[in-house]
C-alpha atoms as a PDB file:
ATOM      1  CA  UNK A   1      -7.471 -20.939  20.360  1.00  0.00           C
ATOM      2  CA  UNK A   2      -6.987 -20.790  16.499  1.00  0.00           C
ATOM      3  CA  UNK A   3      -3.533 -21.449  15.051  1.00  0.00           C
ATOM      4  CA  UNK A   4      -1.976 -20.587  11.754  1.00  0.00           C
ATOM      5  CA  UNK A   5       0.941 -22.006   9.704  1.00  0.00           C
ATOM      6  CA  UNK A   6       3.254 -19.802   7.491  1.00  0.00           C
ATOM      7  CA  UNK A   7       5.979 -20.606   5.188  1.00  0.00           C
ATOM      8  CA  UNK A   8       9.416 -18.955   4.651  1.00  0.00           C
ATOM      9  CA  UNK A   9      10.468 -19.892   1.214  1.00  0.00           C
ATOM     10  CA  UNK A  10      13.663 -18.145  -0.342  1.00  0.00           C
ATOM     11  CA  UNK A  11      14.825 -18.421  -3.857  1.00  0.00           C
ATOM     12  CA  UNK A  12      17.442 -16.630  -5.699  1.00  0.00           C
ATOM     13  CA  UNK A  13      17.837 -13.950  -3.013  1.00  0.00           C
ATOM     14  CA  UNK A  14      14.075 -13.296  -2.760  1.00  0.00           C
ATOM     15  CA  UNK A  15      11.426 -14.462  -0.236  1.00  0.00           C
ATOM     16  CA  UNK A  16       7.917 -15.672  -1.175  1.00  0.00           C
ATOM     17  CA  UNK A  17       5.279 -13.138   0.223  1.00  0.00           C
ATOM     18  CA  UNK A  18       1.736 -12.106  -0.310  1.00  0.00           C
ATOM     19  CA  UNK A  19       1.591  -8.513  -1.230  1.00  0.00           C
ATOM     20  CA  UNK A  20      -1.574  -6.872   0.182  1.00  0.00           C
ATOM     21  CA  UNK A  21      -3.288  -3.732  -0.765  1.00  0.00           C
ATOM     22  CA  UNK A  22      -6.185  -3.751   1.720  1.00  0.00           C
ATOM     23  CA  UNK A  23      -8.279  -0.798   0.817  1.00  0.00           C
ATOM     24  CA  UNK A  24      -5.189   1.423   0.178  1.00  0.00           C
ATOM     25  CA  UNK A  25      -3.135  -0.070   3.033  1.00  0.00           C
ATOM     26  CA  UNK A  26      -0.232  -1.854   1.500  1.00  0.00           C
ATOM     27  CA  UNK A  27       2.091  -4.460   3.161  1.00  0.00           C
ATOM     28  CA  UNK A  28       3.556  -7.917   2.749  1.00  0.00           C
ATOM     29  CA  UNK A  29       2.916 -11.149   4.739  1.00  0.00           C
ATOM     30  CA  UNK A  30       4.197 -14.632   4.454  1.00  0.00           C
ATOM     31  CA  UNK A  31       2.002 -17.072   2.602  1.00  0.00           C
ATOM     32  CA  UNK A  32      -0.166 -19.246   5.021  1.00  0.00           C
ATOM     33  CA  UNK A  33      -3.219 -19.155   6.993  1.00  0.00           C
ATOM     34  CA  UNK A  34      -5.480 -20.818   9.520  1.00  0.00           C
ATOM     35  CA  UNK A  35      -5.195 -24.505  10.348  1.00  0.00           C
ATOM     36  CA  UNK A  36      -8.424 -26.118   9.366  1.00  0.00           C
ATOM     37  CA  UNK A  37     -10.149 -28.850  11.455  1.00  0.00           C
ATOM     38  CA  UNK A  38      -8.315 -32.099  11.027  1.00  0.00           C
ATOM     39  CA  UNK A  39      -5.169 -30.709   9.419  1.00  0.00           C
ATOM     40  CA  UNK A  40      -1.724 -30.620  10.711  1.00  0.00           C
ATOM     41  CA  UNK A  41       0.558 -27.753  10.089  1.00  0.00           C
ATOM     42  CA  UNK A  42       2.304 -29.380   7.082  1.00  0.00           C
ATOM     43  CA  UNK A  43      -1.143 -29.948   5.424  1.00  0.00           C
ATOM     44  CA  UNK A  44      -2.014 -26.357   6.074  1.00  0.00           C
ATOM     45  CA  UNK A  45       1.211 -25.142   4.434  1.00  0.00           C
ATOM     46  CA  UNK A  46       0.710 -27.333   1.475  1.00  0.00           C
ATOM     47  CA  UNK A  47      -2.914 -26.181   1.078  1.00  0.00           C
ATOM     48  CA  UNK A  48      -2.199 -22.468   1.521  1.00  0.00           C
ATOM     49  CA  UNK A  49       0.695 -22.565  -0.768  1.00  0.00           C
ATOM     50  CA  UNK A  50      -1.485 -24.190  -3.461  1.00  0.00           C
ATOM     51  CA  UNK A  51      -4.399 -21.686  -3.021  1.00  0.00           C
ATOM     52  CA  UNK A  52      -2.241 -18.544  -2.524  1.00  0.00           C
ATOM     53  CA  UNK A  53       0.794 -19.059  -4.777  1.00  0.00           C
ATOM     54  CA  UNK A  54       1.096 -22.307  -6.665  1.00  0.00           C
ATOM     55  CA  UNK A  55       4.690 -22.663  -5.322  1.00  0.00           C
ATOM     56  CA  UNK A  56       5.618 -26.072  -3.899  1.00  0.00           C
ATOM     57  CA  UNK A  57       7.953 -26.777  -0.924  1.00  0.00           C
ATOM     58  CA  UNK A  58       9.462 -29.648   1.035  1.00  0.00           C
ATOM     59  CA  UNK A  59      11.067 -30.327   4.350  1.00  0.00           C
ATOM     60  CA  UNK A  60       9.360 -27.600   6.491  1.00  0.00           C
ATOM     61  CA  UNK A  61      11.185 -26.864   9.739  1.00  0.00           C
ATOM     62  CA  UNK A  62       9.548 -24.920  12.553  1.00  0.00           C
ATOM     63  CA  UNK A  63      11.789 -21.819  13.270  1.00  0.00           C
ATOM     64  CA  UNK A  64       9.432 -19.236  14.761  1.00  0.00           C
ATOM     65  CA  UNK A  65       6.202 -19.168  16.953  1.00  0.00           C
ATOM     66  CA  UNK A  66       4.365 -15.862  17.441  1.00  0.00           C
ATOM     67  CA  UNK A  67       1.134 -14.790  19.124  1.00  0.00           C
ATOM     68  CA  UNK A  68      -0.519 -13.223  16.096  1.00  0.00           C
ATOM     69  CA  UNK A  69      -3.517 -11.770  17.943  1.00  0.00           C
ATOM     70  CA  UNK A  70      -7.223 -12.413  17.597  1.00  0.00           C
ATOM     71  CA  UNK A  71      -7.493 -13.494  14.059  1.00  0.00           C
ATOM     72  CA  UNK A  72      -4.815 -16.313  13.913  1.00  0.00           C
ATOM     73  CA  UNK A  73      -3.967 -16.825  17.578  1.00  0.00           C
ATOM     74  CA  UNK A  74      -0.608 -18.754  17.637  1.00  0.00           C
ATOM     75  CA  UNK A  75       1.281 -18.603  14.350  1.00  0.00           C
ATOM     76  CA  UNK A  76       3.793 -21.278  13.507  1.00  0.00           C
ATOM     77  CA  UNK A  77       6.445 -20.240  10.942  1.00  0.00           C
ATOM     78  CA  UNK A  78       8.283 -22.930   9.038  1.00  0.00           C
ATOM     79  CA  UNK A  79      11.416 -22.546   6.886  1.00  0.00           C
ATOM     80  CA  UNK A  80      10.885 -24.557   3.813  1.00  0.00           C
ATOM     81  CA  UNK A  81      12.862 -25.633   0.820  1.00  0.00           C
ATOM     82  CA  UNK A  82      11.623 -24.379  -2.560  1.00  0.00           C
ATOM     83  CA  UNK A  83      10.613 -27.156  -4.989  1.00  0.00           C
ATOM     84  CA  UNK A  84       8.944 -25.311  -7.831  1.00  0.00           C
ATOM     85  CA  UNK A  85       6.339 -22.991  -9.227  1.00  0.00           C
ATOM     86  CA  UNK A  86       5.961 -19.298  -9.818  1.00  0.00           C
ATOM     87  CA  UNK A  87       3.590 -17.219  -7.630  1.00  0.00           C
ATOM     88  CA  UNK A  88       0.013 -16.896  -8.912  1.00  0.00           C
ATOM     89  CA  UNK A  89      -3.252 -17.173  -7.130  1.00  0.00           C
ATOM     90  CA  UNK A  90      -5.250 -20.232  -7.737  1.00  0.00           C
ATOM     91  CA  UNK A  91      -8.390 -19.214  -9.655  1.00  0.00           C
ATOM     92  CA  UNK A  92     -10.534 -21.396  -7.287  1.00  0.00           C
ATOM     93  CA  UNK A  93      -9.205 -19.674  -4.079  1.00  0.00           C
ATOM     94  CA  UNK A  94     -11.107 -17.157  -2.040  1.00  0.00           C
ATOM     95  CA  UNK A  95      -8.184 -14.672  -2.633  1.00  0.00           C
ATOM     96  CA  UNK A  96      -8.715 -14.841  -6.341  1.00  0.00           C
ATOM     97  CA  UNK A  97     -12.430 -14.089  -5.955  1.00  0.00           C
ATOM     98  CA  UNK A  98     -11.742 -11.268  -3.516  1.00  0.00           C
ATOM     99  CA  UNK A  99      -9.264  -9.738  -5.999  1.00  0.00           C
ATOM    100  CA  UNK A 100     -12.080  -9.615  -8.679  1.00  0.00           C
ATOM    101  CA  UNK A 101     -14.124  -7.257  -6.466  1.00  0.00           C
ATOM    102  CA  UNK A 102     -11.159  -4.835  -6.304  1.00  0.00           C
ATOM    103  CA  UNK A 103      -9.829  -2.679  -3.345  1.00  0.00           C
ATOM    104  CA  UNK A 104      -8.835  -5.575  -1.224  1.00  0.00           C
ATOM    105  CA  UNK A 105      -6.052  -7.159  -3.327  1.00  0.00           C
ATOM    106  CA  UNK A 106      -3.780 -10.136  -3.035  1.00  0.00           C
ATOM    107  CA  UNK A 107      -0.579 -10.528  -5.114  1.00  0.00           C
ATOM    108  CA  UNK A 108       1.837 -13.476  -4.412  1.00  0.00           C
ATOM    109  CA  UNK A 109       5.384 -12.433  -5.395  1.00  0.00           C
ATOM    110  CA  UNK A 110       9.086 -13.028  -4.891  1.00  0.00           C
ATOM    111  CA  UNK A 111      10.238 -10.092  -2.731  1.00  0.00           C
ATOM    112  CA  UNK A 112      13.961  -9.337  -3.113  1.00  0.00           C
ATOM    113  CA  UNK A 113      15.420  -9.911   0.479  1.00  0.00           C
ATOM    114  CA  UNK A 114      17.316  -6.562  -0.091  1.00  0.00           C
ATOM    115  CA  UNK A 115      13.962  -4.761  -0.121  1.00  0.00           C
ATOM    116  CA  UNK A 116      12.508  -6.438   2.893  1.00  0.00           C
ATOM    117  CA  UNK A 117      13.991  -4.088   5.595  1.00  0.00           C
ATOM    118  CA  UNK A 118      12.141  -1.079   4.007  1.00  0.00           C
ATOM    119  CA  UNK A 119       8.850  -2.915   3.383  1.00  0.00           C
ATOM    120  CA  UNK A 120       5.712  -2.787   5.651  1.00  0.00           C
ATOM    121  CA  UNK A 121       5.418  -6.370   6.762  1.00  0.00           C
ATOM    122  CA  UNK A 122       3.068  -8.354   9.156  1.00  0.00           C
ATOM    123  CA  UNK A 123       4.538  -8.605  11.643  1.00  0.00           C
ATOM    124  CA  UNK A 124       7.435  -6.338  12.369  1.00  0.00           C
ATOM    125  CA  UNK A 125       8.779  -8.932  14.853  1.00  0.00           C
ATOM    126  CA  UNK A 126       8.558 -11.595  12.194  1.00  0.00           C
ATOM    127  CA  UNK A 127      10.354  -9.393   9.609  1.00  0.00           C
ATOM    128  CA  UNK A 128      13.144  -8.891  12.135  1.00  0.00           C
ATOM    129  CA  UNK A 129      13.399 -12.566  12.811  1.00  0.00           C
ATOM    130  CA  UNK A 130      13.567 -13.361   9.125  1.00  0.00           C
ATOM    131  CA  UNK A 131      16.264 -10.813   8.483  1.00  0.00           C
ATOM    132  CA  UNK A 132      18.181 -12.123  11.448  1.00  0.00           C
ATOM    133  CA  UNK A 133      17.761 -15.721  10.096  1.00  0.00           C
ATOM    134  CA  UNK A 134      18.954 -14.732   6.647  1.00  0.00           C
ATOM    135  CA  UNK A 135      22.039 -12.818   8.030  1.00  0.00           C
ATOM    136  CA  UNK A 136      23.125 -14.918  10.979  1.00  0.00           C
ATOM    137  CA  UNK A 137      21.521 -18.377  10.428  1.00  0.00           C
ATOM    138  CA  UNK A 138      18.183 -19.900  11.272  1.00  0.00           C
ATOM    139  CA  UNK A 139      17.429 -21.209  14.795  1.00  0.00           C
ATOM    140  CA  UNK A 140      17.920 -24.966  15.359  1.00  0.00           C
ATOM    141  CA  UNK A 141      15.025 -24.900  17.903  1.00  0.00           C
ATOM    142  CA  UNK A 142      11.873 -22.858  17.436  1.00  0.00           C
ATOM    143  CA  UNK A 143      12.074 -19.301  18.821  1.00  0.00           C
ATOM    144  CA  UNK A 144       9.085 -17.402  20.286  1.00  0.00           C
ATOM    145  CA  UNK A 145       9.116 -13.998  18.511  1.00  0.00           C
ATOM    146  CA  UNK A 146       6.169 -12.470  20.136  1.00  0.00           C
ATOM    147  CA  UNK A 147       8.102 -10.066  22.292  1.00  0.00           C
ATOM    148  CA  UNK A 148      10.920  -9.370  19.796  1.00  0.00           C
END
């Protein structure tokens, strides 16, 4: 089964997301993606952040696990400390090349946490878990949010 790693990075009351406009269907998702052969989750997080945002992090801590369906299988979501950088696609990334074709667009951004409840987000379970973490504190042990 394929696995994915995603990063929760919060800075100044905003969360790092990838805003997607996929042929007119708009939503936000956490930065991250599939774990490549030979990678561990931390390496995947660092690679995906470099490709998709240019933002750097440290001290990733697993907080959520979710069955994300056929494309990613099990998704491991890490709360990470922001180190530096401002969101921008790496010109050498697949996402940058796809943007150039238009209609299937990627835009990394800081999404104000106050706007998150009203934004379409993948997945809704993950959105609810993030909002709970922000308001009530993050779990000390990983929580399976598949059925939330």
